[in-house]
Amino acid sequence: METDVLIIGSGAAGLTAALQLATTRKVVVLAKGSISDGATAWAQGGIAAVLEPGDNFENHIEDTMVAGAGLNNRATVEFVVENAPLAIERLAKLGVPFNLEGNDWHLTREGGHSHRRIVHVDDATGWAVQQALEAAARAHPNIVLVPDMVAVDLITGRHQERFSTSGRIHGVYALNRATGQVETYTARATILASGGAGRTYLYSTAPRGATGDGIAMAWRAGCRVSNMEFMQFHPTCLYNLEVKNFLITEAVRGEGGFLINPKSGHRYMPDYDERAELAPRDIVARANDAEIKRDGLDYVHLDISHKPAEFVKTHFPNIYEKLLGLGIDITREPIPVVPAQHYTCGGVLVDLDGRTDAPGLYAAGEVTQSGLHGANRLASNSLLECFVFGDACARHIESHWDSLPPPPQIRSWDESRVTDSDEEVVIAQCWREIRQFMWNFVGIVRTTKRLERAQHRIDLLRSEVADYYSHFRVTPDLIELRNLVEVAALIIRSALSRHESRGLHFTLDYPALAEQAVDTILVP
């Protein structure tokens, strides 16, 4: 299929770009699973924007820079923060039912923020945003939403019928889950909005499909990747042996929740940071990890039961109902929580227009390293980045349309030299192995020795997976495994190269902060 603009990913960044472009262009949006399966729908907390009379852009900028441990690109932070109120207005016009307080939006506060500036829809903001964007996209005649298409590789000049080394991106090869066939999608411009790489880790709040596909594909296509060592761990994921990956939003702490050591009953966050439970996520996650390891705990407690029951039910209705179904009444008792991988702060390098190193390829959202987050993402800046950069990609494509050449003739996917796999167990084994050693060796607290162990293992696995990929037809699981191996290698390589502790990268061998904040940039 040929279209004007191809978007890989159907979350906040992808659909924002699609709606902006569709006023003048034909747009195809590919989703890996269902259209609603991405990380956007999972976001509980909200969207950060300066909307309170006592707040200002400089405060939001400074909070973002402090959380990012000075590694942020200030120009990017200013760009995103200053465009935040407009992004909120556009979402409200699309029908997102943000909570109100009188005639104004109800604002909550989260860790690292100096003011109340989080607009939200109860504790399920992402789902409300996803539904509004999706409804608008489905209703637009210029947008085609295609579910169950697993992107395999970006199409470059190497795939032209007339071979070229130009480096320009012309679209993507994608596996149709229903037919098992790899299809060719071409366009003048391609936008990567495929999300992060959380499933590289054993414990993660990310959706099942967060396997770093866009990062791996862009890397293979020749794009630089940056700051992959900064993997954010959310401090409070529900500890439950039956329900996996259920996030307890930052806003629970923002609204007065305390972290308690279940063994001693001690509220410990004031011991670690003067901001206590409102400290940035990296500090809180390390504190939780330290308490768990020191006392041999399975979890710590997050307690908001000292607040009035009606307050808790009103502010966190979804969490209240979900946990009540598991036998936990959060108005009366604490929530058992553990840290879990939550957000990929590094990714494909982009500029303020969302452009990558490859001509014709743009990117927005968690797949990118835009300079917004630095060494640690400030709470509720993630959805915001999606809206601002999705819009930026669209605007640049539209304003430079005449300079974007139509796609050339592209060769069809060639599987003449491969067969169906008879060793699916290899994929399952490699997947488990990656997630386990990444959690143990490249987790919240690192050492050079652990990282070197991880490097040795990933080198072996890359070789095994490459051999497997060259002999067998692609399947969704094989595509994801190939990308997981690539992304894990990038994370390990980046972590080994940073000889300091900054933000989310904390290593016992280099506990001090270097004098100068420098991005880790990997070149293919």
Protein backbone atom coordinates (compact mmCIF):
# COMPACT_ATOMS: atom_id res chain seq x y z
CA MET A 1 0.00 0.00 0.00
CA GLU A 2 1.22 3.49 -0.84
CA THR A 3 0.00 6.53 1.10
CA ASP A 4 1.07 10.12 1.74
CA VAL A 5 2.21 9.60 5.34
CA LEU A 6 2.74 6.34 7.20
CA ILE A 7 2.58 6.26 10.99
CA ILE A 8 3.85 3.28 12.98
CA GLY A 9 2.00 3.29 16.30
CA SER A 10 -1.55 4.21 17.28
CA GLY A 11 -1.08 5.87 20.67
CA ALA A 12 -1.05 9.53 21.67
CA ALA A 13 1.90 10.55 19.47
CA GLY A 14 0.78 8.66 16.36
CA LEU A 15 -2.87 9.69 16.45
CA THR A 16 -2.02 13.32 17.26
CA ALA A 17 0.18 13.45 14.16
CA ALA A 18 -2.43 11.63 12.06
CA LEU A 19 -5.24 14.06 12.96
CA GLN A 20 -3.05 17.07 12.23
CA LEU A 21 -1.90 15.70 8.85
CA ALA A 22 -5.26 14.39 7.74
CA THR A 23 -6.59 17.86 7.01
CA THR A 24 -4.57 17.77 3.76
CA ARG A 25 -2.96 14.31 3.43
CA LYS A 26 -3.87 10.64 3.28
CA VAL A 27 -2.57 8.87 6.38
CA VAL A 28 -2.19 5.19 7.23
CA VAL A 29 -1.67 4.24 10.90
CA LEU A 30 -0.31 0.78 11.66
CA ALA A 31 -0.92 -0.79 15.08
CA LYS A 32 0.97 -3.81 16.34
CA GLY A 33 -2.13 -5.25 17.99
CA SER A 34 -5.50 -3.58 18.41
CA ILE A 35 -5.60 0.19 17.92
CA SER A 36 -5.94 0.71 21.70
CA ASP A 37 -3.16 -1.66 22.81
CA GLY A 38 -0.33 0.85 23.28
CA ALA A 39 1.02 2.48 26.42
CA THR A 40 -1.20 5.59 26.14
CA ALA A 41 -4.28 3.72 27.36
CA TRP A 42 -2.35 2.54 30.43
CA ALA A 43 -1.39 6.01 31.65
CA GLN A 44 -3.14 6.73 34.94
CA GLY A 45 -1.79 9.99 36.32
CA GLY A 46 -2.40 12.77 33.82
CA ILE A 47 -0.78 15.48 31.72
CA ALA A 48 1.44 18.25 33.08
CA ALA A 49 0.75 21.84 32.00
CA VAL A 50 0.97 25.30 33.54
CA LEU A 51 -2.68 26.14 34.24
CA GLU A 52 -2.71 27.36 37.87
CA PRO A 53 -2.58 31.15 38.50
CA GLY A 54 0.43 30.84 40.85
CA ASP A 55 2.39 28.66 38.42
CA ASN A 56 4.47 29.69 35.38
CA PHE A 57 6.47 28.17 32.52
CA GLU A 58 9.78 28.77 34.29
CA ASN A 59 8.65 26.66 37.25
CA HIS A 60 7.65 23.74 35.00
CA ILE A 61 10.91 24.07 33.06
CA GLU A 62 12.97 24.11 36.26
CA ASP A 63 11.13 21.10 37.72
CA THR A 64 11.77 19.17 34.51
CA MET A 65 15.47 20.11 34.51
CA VAL A 66 15.90 19.18 38.18
CA ALA A 67 14.26 15.78 37.66
CA GLY A 68 16.40 15.24 34.55
CA ALA A 69 19.59 15.83 36.58
CA GLY A 70 20.75 18.57 34.23
CA LEU A 71 20.96 16.35 31.16
CA ASN A 72 17.87 17.83 29.51
CA ASN A 73 18.12 20.01 26.42
CA ARG A 74 16.75 23.31 27.72
CA ALA A 75 15.46 24.39 24.30
CA THR A 76 13.42 21.19 24.08
CA VAL A 77 12.07 21.60 27.61
CA GLU A 78 11.00 25.18 26.86
CA PHE A 79 9.39 24.10 23.58
CA VAL A 80 7.33 21.35 25.20
CA VAL A 81 6.35 23.26 28.36
CA GLU A 82 5.28 26.35 26.44
CA ASN A 83 3.11 24.28 24.09
CA ALA A 84 1.48 22.28 26.91
CA PRO A 85 -1.59 24.48 27.58
CA LEU A 86 -2.48 24.49 23.87
CA ALA A 87 -2.20 20.68 23.78
CA ILE A 88 -4.64 20.44 26.70
CA GLU A 89 -7.08 22.77 24.94
CA ARG A 90 -7.00 20.64 21.78
CA LEU A 91 -7.69 17.49 23.78
CA ALA A 92 -10.60 19.13 25.57
CA LYS A 93 -12.07 20.11 22.18
CA LEU A 94 -11.77 16.48 21.10
CA GLY A 95 -13.94 15.57 24.05
CA VAL A 96 -11.48 14.39 26.71
CA PRO A 97 -13.55 14.84 29.92
CA PHE A 98 -10.89 16.28 32.21
CA ASN A 99 -11.96 16.51 35.86
CA LEU A 100 -13.27 19.91 36.89
CA GLU A 101 -13.17 21.94 40.08
CA GLY A 102 -15.89 24.51 39.69
CA ASN A 103 -15.41 26.03 36.24
CA ASP A 104 -11.70 25.20 36.11
CA TRP A 105 -9.86 21.95 35.52
CA HIS A 106 -9.00 20.02 38.66
CA LEU A 107 -5.23 19.93 39.01
CA THR A 108 -3.32 17.37 41.04
CA ARG A 109 0.33 17.29 42.04
CA GLU A 110 2.91 14.55 41.51
CA GLY A 111 6.49 13.85 42.57
CA GLY A 112 9.03 16.43 41.40
CA HIS A 113 6.43 19.12 40.63
CA SER A 114 6.53 22.39 42.60
CA HIS A 115 2.88 23.18 41.82
CA ARG A 116 -0.42 21.49 41.08
CA ARG A 117 -0.39 21.23 37.29
CA ILE A 118 -1.61 17.74 36.38
CA VAL A 119 -4.90 17.66 34.47
CA HIS A 120 -6.51 14.25 34.65
CA VAL A 121 -9.59 12.12 34.09
CA ASP A 122 -9.94 10.44 37.49
CA ASP A 123 -7.04 7.94 37.60
CA ALA A 124 -7.47 6.72 34.02
CA THR A 125 -6.37 9.71 31.95
CA GLY A 126 -4.60 7.71 29.26
CA TRP A 127 -7.65 5.61 28.49
CA ALA A 128 -9.85 8.70 28.11
CA VAL A 129 -7.27 10.35 25.84
CA GLN A 130 -6.86 7.20 23.73
CA GLN A 131 -10.62 6.87 23.26
CA ALA A 132 -11.02 10.50 22.19
CA LEU A 133 -8.12 10.42 19.72
CA GLU A 134 -9.22 7.06 18.35
CA ALA A 135 -12.82 8.19 17.83
CA ALA A 136 -11.64 11.29 15.96
CA ALA A 137 -9.25 9.24 13.81
CA ARG A 138 -11.89 6.64 12.94
CA ALA A 139 -14.28 9.38 11.90
CA HIS A 140 -11.78 11.08 9.59
CA PRO A 141 -12.03 10.08 5.92
CA ASN A 142 -8.30 10.63 5.31
CA ILE A 143 -7.12 8.27 8.07
CA VAL A 144 -6.91 4.49 7.68
CA LEU A 145 -6.29 2.54 10.90
CA VAL A 146 -4.76 -0.89 10.33
CA PRO A 147 -4.53 -3.18 13.40
CA ASP A 148 -2.46 -6.35 13.84
CA MET A 149 0.48 -5.25 11.70
CA VAL A 150 3.87 -6.06 13.25
CA ALA A 151 6.58 -3.81 11.80
CA VAL A 152 9.64 -5.82 10.73
CA ASP A 153 12.04 -3.27 9.23
CA LEU A 154 12.08 0.21 7.79
CA ILE A 155 12.34 0.38 4.01
CA THR A 156 15.50 2.12 2.82
CA GLY A 157 17.21 2.61 -0.53
CA ARG A 158 18.67 -0.87 -0.15
CA HIS A 159 15.17 -2.23 -0.73
CA GLN A 160 14.54 -0.28 -3.93
CA GLU A 161 14.28 -2.15 -7.21
CA ARG A 162 17.09 0.20 -8.24
CA PHE A 163 19.50 -0.14 -5.30
CA SER A 164 20.45 3.07 -3.48
CA THR A 165 22.55 4.03 -0.46
CA SER A 166 20.74 7.36 0.05
CA GLY A 167 19.62 6.51 3.59
CA ARG A 168 16.12 7.86 2.93
CA ILE A 169 13.22 5.98 4.53
CA HIS A 170 10.35 5.01 2.24
CA GLY A 171 8.06 3.11 4.61
CA VAL A 172 8.04 -0.24 6.37
CA TYR A 173 7.71 -3.98 5.89
CA ALA A 174 5.06 -5.28 8.29
CA LEU A 175 3.80 -8.75 9.15
CA ASN A 176 0.04 -9.18 8.89
CA ARG A 177 -0.95 -11.28 11.92
CA ALA A 178 -4.08 -12.58 10.20
CA THR A 179 -2.43 -13.83 7.01
CA GLY A 180 1.12 -14.46 8.21
CA GLN A 181 2.38 -12.52 5.18
CA VAL A 182 4.80 -9.59 5.20
CA GLU A 183 3.28 -6.57 3.43
CA THR A 184 4.92 -3.47 2.02
CA TYR A 185 3.76 0.02 3.08
CA THR A 186 5.35 3.02 1.41
CA ALA A 187 4.96 6.77 1.88
CA ARG A 188 6.66 10.10 1.34
CA ALA A 189 7.14 10.46 5.10
CA THR A 190 7.15 7.89 7.89
CA ILE A 191 6.59 8.66 11.59
CA LEU A 192 7.80 6.28 14.29
CA ALA A 193 5.42 6.43 17.26
CA SER A 194 5.95 2.87 18.42
CA GLY A 195 6.64 3.41 22.13
CA GLY A 196 9.37 2.21 24.44
CA ALA A 197 11.29 -0.90 25.38
CA GLY A 198 9.95 -1.81 28.82
CA ARG A 199 9.58 -5.49 28.06
CA THR A 200 13.35 -5.79 28.01
CA TYR A 201 12.91 -6.18 31.78
CA LEU A 202 11.37 -8.92 33.89
CA TYR A 203 9.09 -6.56 35.82
CA SER A 204 7.51 -3.72 33.87
CA THR A 205 4.38 -1.61 33.85
CA ALA A 206 4.60 -1.36 30.05
CA PRO A 207 2.14 -3.16 27.76
CA ARG A 208 3.08 -6.51 26.24
CA GLY A 209 4.08 -4.92 22.94
CA ALA A 210 6.69 -2.52 24.36
CA THR A 211 9.66 -4.36 22.87
CA GLY A 212 11.63 -1.42 21.50
CA ASP A 213 10.67 -2.10 17.88
CA GLY A 214 11.00 1.47 16.65
CA ILE A 215 14.35 2.01 18.37
CA ALA A 216 15.76 -1.22 16.94
CA MET A 217 14.42 -0.56 13.43
CA ALA A 218 15.77 3.00 13.36
CA TRP A 219 19.17 1.78 14.62
CA ARG A 220 19.33 -0.86 11.88
CA ALA A 221 18.37 1.83 9.34
CA GLY A 222 21.33 3.99 10.37
CA CYS A 223 19.88 6.40 12.96
CA ARG A 224 21.75 7.40 16.08
CA VAL A 225 20.35 6.32 19.43
CA SER A 226 20.92 8.24 22.67
CA ASN A 227 20.76 7.83 26.48
CA MET A 228 19.52 4.25 26.52
CA GLU A 229 21.02 3.70 29.99
CA PHE A 230 18.28 5.89 31.49
CA MET A 231 15.53 3.38 32.07
CA GLN A 232 12.95 4.69 34.51
CA PHE A 233 11.66 2.39 37.21
CA HIS A 234 8.30 3.35 38.67
CA PRO A 235 8.47 3.13 42.47
CA THR A 236 4.98 1.69 42.96
CA CYS A 237 3.77 -1.27 40.95
CA LEU A 238 1.21 -3.49 42.69
CA TYR A 239 2.77 -6.58 44.24
CA ASN A 240 0.36 -9.41 43.48
CA LEU A 241 1.15 -12.95 42.39
CA GLU A 242 -1.92 -13.12 40.13
CA VAL A 243 -2.17 -9.62 38.68
CA LYS A 244 1.00 -8.50 36.91
CA ASN A 245 2.11 -5.00 35.95
CA PHE A 246 -0.68 -2.98 37.59
CA LEU A 247 0.64 0.51 38.21
CA ILE A 248 -0.28 2.53 41.29
CA THR A 249 -0.16 6.09 40.02
CA GLU A 250 2.26 8.73 41.29
CA ALA A 251 -0.77 10.80 42.24
CA VAL A 252 -1.44 8.53 45.25
CA ARG A 253 1.76 9.92 46.78
CA GLY A 254 0.97 13.37 45.40
CA GLU A 255 -2.32 13.35 47.30
CA GLY A 256 -0.71 12.35 50.59
CA GLY A 257 0.13 8.65 50.43
CA PHE A 258 3.02 7.45 52.63
CA LEU A 259 5.59 4.74 51.95
CA ILE A 260 5.93 2.43 54.94
CA ASN A 261 8.33 -0.41 55.75
CA PRO A 262 5.93 -3.29 56.52
CA LYS A 263 8.44 -4.90 58.90
CA SER A 264 9.11 -1.87 61.08
CA GLY A 265 6.06 0.27 60.36
CA HIS A 266 8.43 3.19 59.72
CA ARG A 267 7.68 5.88 57.13
CA TYR A 268 11.08 5.96 55.49
CA MET A 269 11.08 8.45 52.59
CA PRO A 270 12.01 11.47 54.79
CA ASP A 271 15.20 9.52 55.63
CA TYR A 272 16.20 9.48 51.95
CA ASP A 273 15.14 12.92 50.68
CA GLU A 274 13.74 16.12 52.16
CA ARG A 275 10.91 16.00 49.60
CA ALA A 276 9.91 12.60 51.05
CA GLU A 277 7.25 10.86 48.92
CA LEU A 278 7.28 13.79 46.45
CA ALA A 279 10.90 13.24 45.46
CA PRO A 280 11.54 12.33 41.79
CA ARG A 281 10.90 8.75 40.76
CA ASP A 282 14.51 7.61 40.61
CA ILE A 283 15.07 8.55 44.25
CA VAL A 284 11.85 6.91 45.43
CA ALA A 285 12.48 3.75 43.39
CA ARG A 286 16.01 3.38 44.84
CA ALA A 287 14.67 3.95 48.34
CA ASN A 288 12.03 1.23 47.88
CA ASP A 289 14.66 -1.09 46.42
CA ALA A 290 16.99 -0.41 49.37
CA GLU A 291 14.30 -1.10 51.98
CA ILE A 292 13.29 -4.34 50.24
CA LYS A 293 16.87 -5.60 49.94
CA ARG A 294 18.03 -4.55 53.41
CA ASP A 295 15.15 -6.25 55.25
CA GLY A 296 14.59 -9.15 52.84
CA LEU A 297 11.08 -7.95 51.99
CA ASP A 298 8.90 -8.93 49.06
CA TYR A 299 7.36 -5.45 48.93
CA VAL A 300 6.86 -2.16 50.78
CA HIS A 301 3.56 -0.52 51.72
CA LEU A 302 1.98 2.53 50.08
CA ASP A 303 -0.63 3.82 52.51
CA ILE A 304 -3.30 6.43 51.88
CA SER A 305 -5.82 4.99 54.35
CA HIS A 306 -5.28 7.94 56.74
CA LYS A 307 -7.17 10.12 54.25
CA PRO A 308 -11.00 10.24 54.36
CA ALA A 309 -12.53 7.22 52.58
CA GLU A 310 -14.63 9.40 50.28
CA PHE A 311 -11.55 11.39 49.25
CA VAL A 312 -9.70 8.21 48.29
CA LYS A 313 -12.65 6.74 46.36
CA THR A 314 -13.26 10.01 44.51
CA HIS A 315 -9.63 10.59 43.52
CA PHE A 316 -8.72 6.98 42.69
CA PRO A 317 -11.93 5.19 41.69
CA ASN A 318 -10.30 2.73 39.28
CA ILE A 319 -7.51 1.76 41.64
CA TYR A 320 -10.00 1.44 44.50
CA GLU A 321 -12.29 -0.89 42.51
CA LYS A 322 -9.41 -2.93 41.05
CA LEU A 323 -7.78 -3.56 44.43
CA LEU A 324 -11.09 -4.16 46.19
CA GLY A 325 -11.59 -7.01 43.73
CA LEU A 326 -8.24 -8.40 44.93
CA GLY A 327 -9.26 -8.17 48.58
CA ILE A 328 -7.46 -4.88 49.36
CA ASP A 329 -9.55 -1.96 50.64
CA ILE A 330 -7.23 1.02 50.18
CA THR A 331 -9.44 3.19 52.42
CA ARG A 332 -8.60 0.87 55.32
CA GLU A 333 -5.27 -0.81 54.57
CA PRO A 334 -1.96 -0.21 52.72
CA ILE A 335 -1.11 -1.33 49.19
CA PRO A 336 1.82 -3.76 48.71
CA VAL A 337 4.09 -2.26 46.03
CA VAL A 338 7.44 -2.93 44.33
CA PRO A 339 9.50 -0.95 41.81
CA ALA A 340 9.09 -1.95 38.15
CA GLN A 341 10.46 -0.73 34.82
CA HIS A 342 8.17 2.05 33.66
CA TYR A 343 9.59 4.32 30.95
CA THR A 344 12.35 4.42 28.36
CA CYS A 345 13.95 7.88 28.64
CA GLY A 346 16.45 7.24 25.82
CA GLY A 347 15.71 6.44 22.21
CA VAL A 348 16.07 7.64 18.64
CA LEU A 349 17.61 11.11 18.44
CA VAL A 350 15.21 13.75 17.10
CA ASP A 351 15.25 17.52 16.72
CA LEU A 352 12.45 19.96 17.61
CA ASP A 353 10.64 19.03 14.38
CA GLY A 354 10.73 15.33 15.25
CA ARG A 355 13.25 14.60 12.49
CA THR A 356 15.62 11.66 12.87
CA ASP A 357 18.98 11.25 11.13
CA ALA A 358 17.31 9.43 8.21
CA PRO A 359 15.63 11.65 5.59
CA GLY A 360 11.89 11.01 5.44
CA LEU A 361 11.79 9.47 8.95
CA TYR A 362 10.26 11.30 11.90
CA ALA A 363 9.65 10.08 15.44
CA ALA A 364 7.62 11.15 18.47
CA GLY A 365 6.94 9.92 21.99
CA GLU A 366 8.68 7.25 24.03
CA VAL A 367 10.58 5.88 21.03
CA THR A 368 12.65 9.10 20.98
CA GLN A 369 15.34 10.96 22.86
CA SER A 370 14.15 14.50 22.24
CA GLY A 371 16.07 16.15 25.08
CA LEU A 372 12.95 16.64 27.22
CA HIS A 373 13.53 14.06 29.94
CA GLY A 374 17.29 14.07 30.44
CA ALA A 375 18.44 11.49 32.98
CA ASN A 376 14.97 11.01 34.51
CA ARG A 377 11.46 11.79 33.27
CA LEU A 378 9.36 14.13 35.39
CA ALA A 379 5.93 12.64 36.17
CA SER A 380 3.18 13.35 33.60
CA ASN A 381 5.56 14.82 31.02
CA SER A 382 5.30 11.67 28.89
CA LEU A 383 1.84 12.10 27.35
CA LEU A 384 2.66 15.78 26.98
CA GLU A 385 5.73 14.96 24.87
CA CYS A 386 3.56 12.78 22.62
CA PHE A 387 1.08 15.58 21.88
CA VAL A 388 3.68 18.29 21.31
CA PHE A 389 6.04 16.22 19.16
CA GLY A 390 3.25 14.44 17.27
CA ASP A 391 2.04 17.88 16.28
CA ALA A 392 5.60 19.06 15.50
CA CYS A 393 6.21 16.12 13.14
CA ALA A 394 2.96 16.82 11.31
CA ARG A 395 3.65 20.52 10.94
CA HIS A 396 7.15 19.97 9.55
CA ILE A 397 5.94 17.35 7.06
CA GLU A 398 3.17 19.64 5.86
CA SER A 399 5.40 22.71 5.54
CA HIS A 400 8.09 20.74 3.65
CA TRP A 401 5.79 18.56 1.59
CA ASP A 402 7.16 19.61 -1.79
CA SER A 403 10.67 18.52 -0.77
CA LEU A 404 9.54 14.99 0.11
CA PRO A 405 9.93 12.76 -2.96
CA PRO A 406 7.34 10.08 -3.75
CA PRO A 407 8.50 6.57 -2.86
CA PRO A 408 10.34 4.59 -5.55
CA GLN A 409 9.53 1.05 -6.63
CA ILE A 410 10.27 -1.26 -3.71
CA ARG A 411 11.06 -4.96 -3.83
CA SER A 412 8.56 -7.27 -2.17
CA TRP A 413 9.58 -9.10 0.99
CA ASP A 414 11.77 -12.08 0.09
CA GLU A 415 11.35 -15.29 2.09
CA SER A 416 12.54 -17.68 -0.60
CA ARG A 417 15.51 -18.83 1.47
CA VAL A 418 13.78 -19.51 4.79
CA THR A 419 11.47 -22.17 6.19
CA ASP A 420 8.92 -22.45 8.99
CA SER A 421 10.52 -22.79 12.40
CA ASP A 422 10.65 -26.13 14.15
CA GLU A 423 12.30 -24.68 17.28
CA GLU A 424 9.87 -22.18 18.81
CA VAL A 425 11.30 -23.06 22.23
CA VAL A 426 14.41 -21.07 21.28
CA ILE A 427 12.39 -17.85 21.16
CA ALA A 428 10.75 -18.43 24.53
CA GLN A 429 14.06 -19.34 26.16
CA CYS A 430 15.92 -16.30 24.79
CA TRP A 431 13.09 -13.96 25.78
CA ARG A 432 13.09 -15.22 29.38
CA GLU A 433 16.87 -15.07 29.60
CA ILE A 434 17.07 -11.46 28.39
CA ARG A 435 14.43 -10.17 30.79
CA GLN A 436 15.93 -12.01 33.75
CA PHE A 437 19.55 -10.87 33.38
CA MET A 438 18.50 -7.33 32.42
CA TRP A 439 16.56 -7.13 35.68
CA ASN A 440 19.38 -8.60 37.77
CA PHE A 441 22.39 -6.97 36.10
CA VAL A 442 21.09 -3.76 34.45
CA GLY A 443 18.40 -2.76 36.95
CA ILE A 444 17.87 0.01 39.51
CA VAL A 445 21.37 -0.27 41.05
CA ARG A 446 24.26 -1.31 38.78
CA THR A 447 27.93 -2.28 38.95
CA THR A 448 30.52 -2.57 36.20
CA LYS A 449 30.90 -6.30 36.88
CA ARG A 450 27.17 -6.92 36.52
CA LEU A 451 27.07 -4.88 33.33
CA GLU A 452 30.00 -6.84 31.90
CA ARG A 453 28.17 -10.09 32.71
CA ALA A 454 25.14 -8.75 30.87
CA GLN A 455 27.35 -7.71 27.92
CA HIS A 456 28.76 -11.24 27.63
CA ARG A 457 25.29 -12.79 27.64
CA ILE A 458 23.78 -10.36 25.16
CA ASP A 459 26.64 -10.95 22.71
CA LEU A 460 25.90 -14.68 22.76
CA LEU A 461 22.17 -14.14 22.37
CA ARG A 462 22.59 -11.67 19.50
CA SER A 463 24.54 -14.28 17.60
CA GLU A 464 21.97 -16.99 18.30
CA VAL A 465 19.01 -14.81 17.35
CA ALA A 466 20.69 -13.56 14.17
CA ASP A 467 21.31 -17.16 13.09
CA TYR A 468 17.72 -18.12 13.92
CA TYR A 469 16.33 -15.07 12.05
CA SER A 470 18.32 -15.91 8.92
CA HIS A 471 16.88 -19.44 8.67
CA PHE A 472 13.20 -19.14 9.59
CA ARG A 473 10.13 -17.19 8.49
CA VAL A 474 9.30 -14.23 10.70
CA THR A 475 6.63 -14.50 13.35
CA PRO A 476 5.46 -11.80 15.77
CA ASP A 477 7.46 -13.40 18.58
CA LEU A 478 10.63 -13.66 16.49
CA ILE A 479 10.33 -10.03 15.37
CA GLU A 480 9.98 -8.89 18.97
CA LEU A 481 12.85 -11.06 20.18
CA ARG A 482 15.15 -9.69 17.46
CA ASN A 483 14.28 -6.16 18.60
CA LEU A 484 14.61 -6.97 22.30
CA VAL A 485 18.12 -8.31 21.75
CA GLU A 486 19.11 -5.20 19.82
CA VAL A 487 17.68 -2.80 22.39
CA ALA A 488 19.14 -4.70 25.37
CA ALA A 489 22.56 -4.46 23.73
CA LEU A 490 22.12 -0.70 23.31
CA ILE A 491 21.10 -0.29 26.98
CA ILE A 492 24.10 -2.30 28.23
CA ARG A 493 26.56 -0.54 25.93
CA SER A 494 25.26 2.87 27.03
CA ALA A 495 25.36 1.95 30.73
CA LEU A 496 28.96 0.71 30.49
CA SER A 497 30.04 3.95 28.85
CA ARG A 498 28.67 6.25 31.61
CA HIS A 499 31.22 6.53 34.41
CA GLU A 500 29.05 8.46 36.87
CA SER A 501 25.74 8.19 38.70
CA ARG A 502 23.17 10.56 37.25
CA GLY A 503 19.39 10.36 37.45
CA LEU A 504 18.20 6.87 36.61
CA HIS A 505 21.69 5.49 36.03
CA PHE A 506 23.06 4.61 39.47
CA THR A 507 26.25 2.57 39.68
CA LEU A 508 28.12 1.58 42.83
CA ASP A 509 31.45 1.84 40.99
CA TYR A 510 30.93 5.50 40.05
CA PRO A 511 28.60 6.95 42.73
CA ALA A 512 29.56 10.59 42.15
CA LEU A 513 28.06 13.00 39.64
CA ALA A 514 30.41 14.06 36.84
CA GLU A 515 31.08 17.80 36.54
CA GLN A 516 29.65 17.98 33.03
CA ALA A 517 26.35 16.49 31.85
CA VAL A 518 26.93 14.76 28.51
CA ASP A 519 24.50 12.66 26.46
CA THR A 520 25.44 9.11 25.53
CA ILE A 521 25.14 8.98 21.74
CA LEU A 522 25.62 5.70 19.89
CA VAL A 523 26.36 5.73 16.16
CA PRO A 524 25.51 2.65 14.03
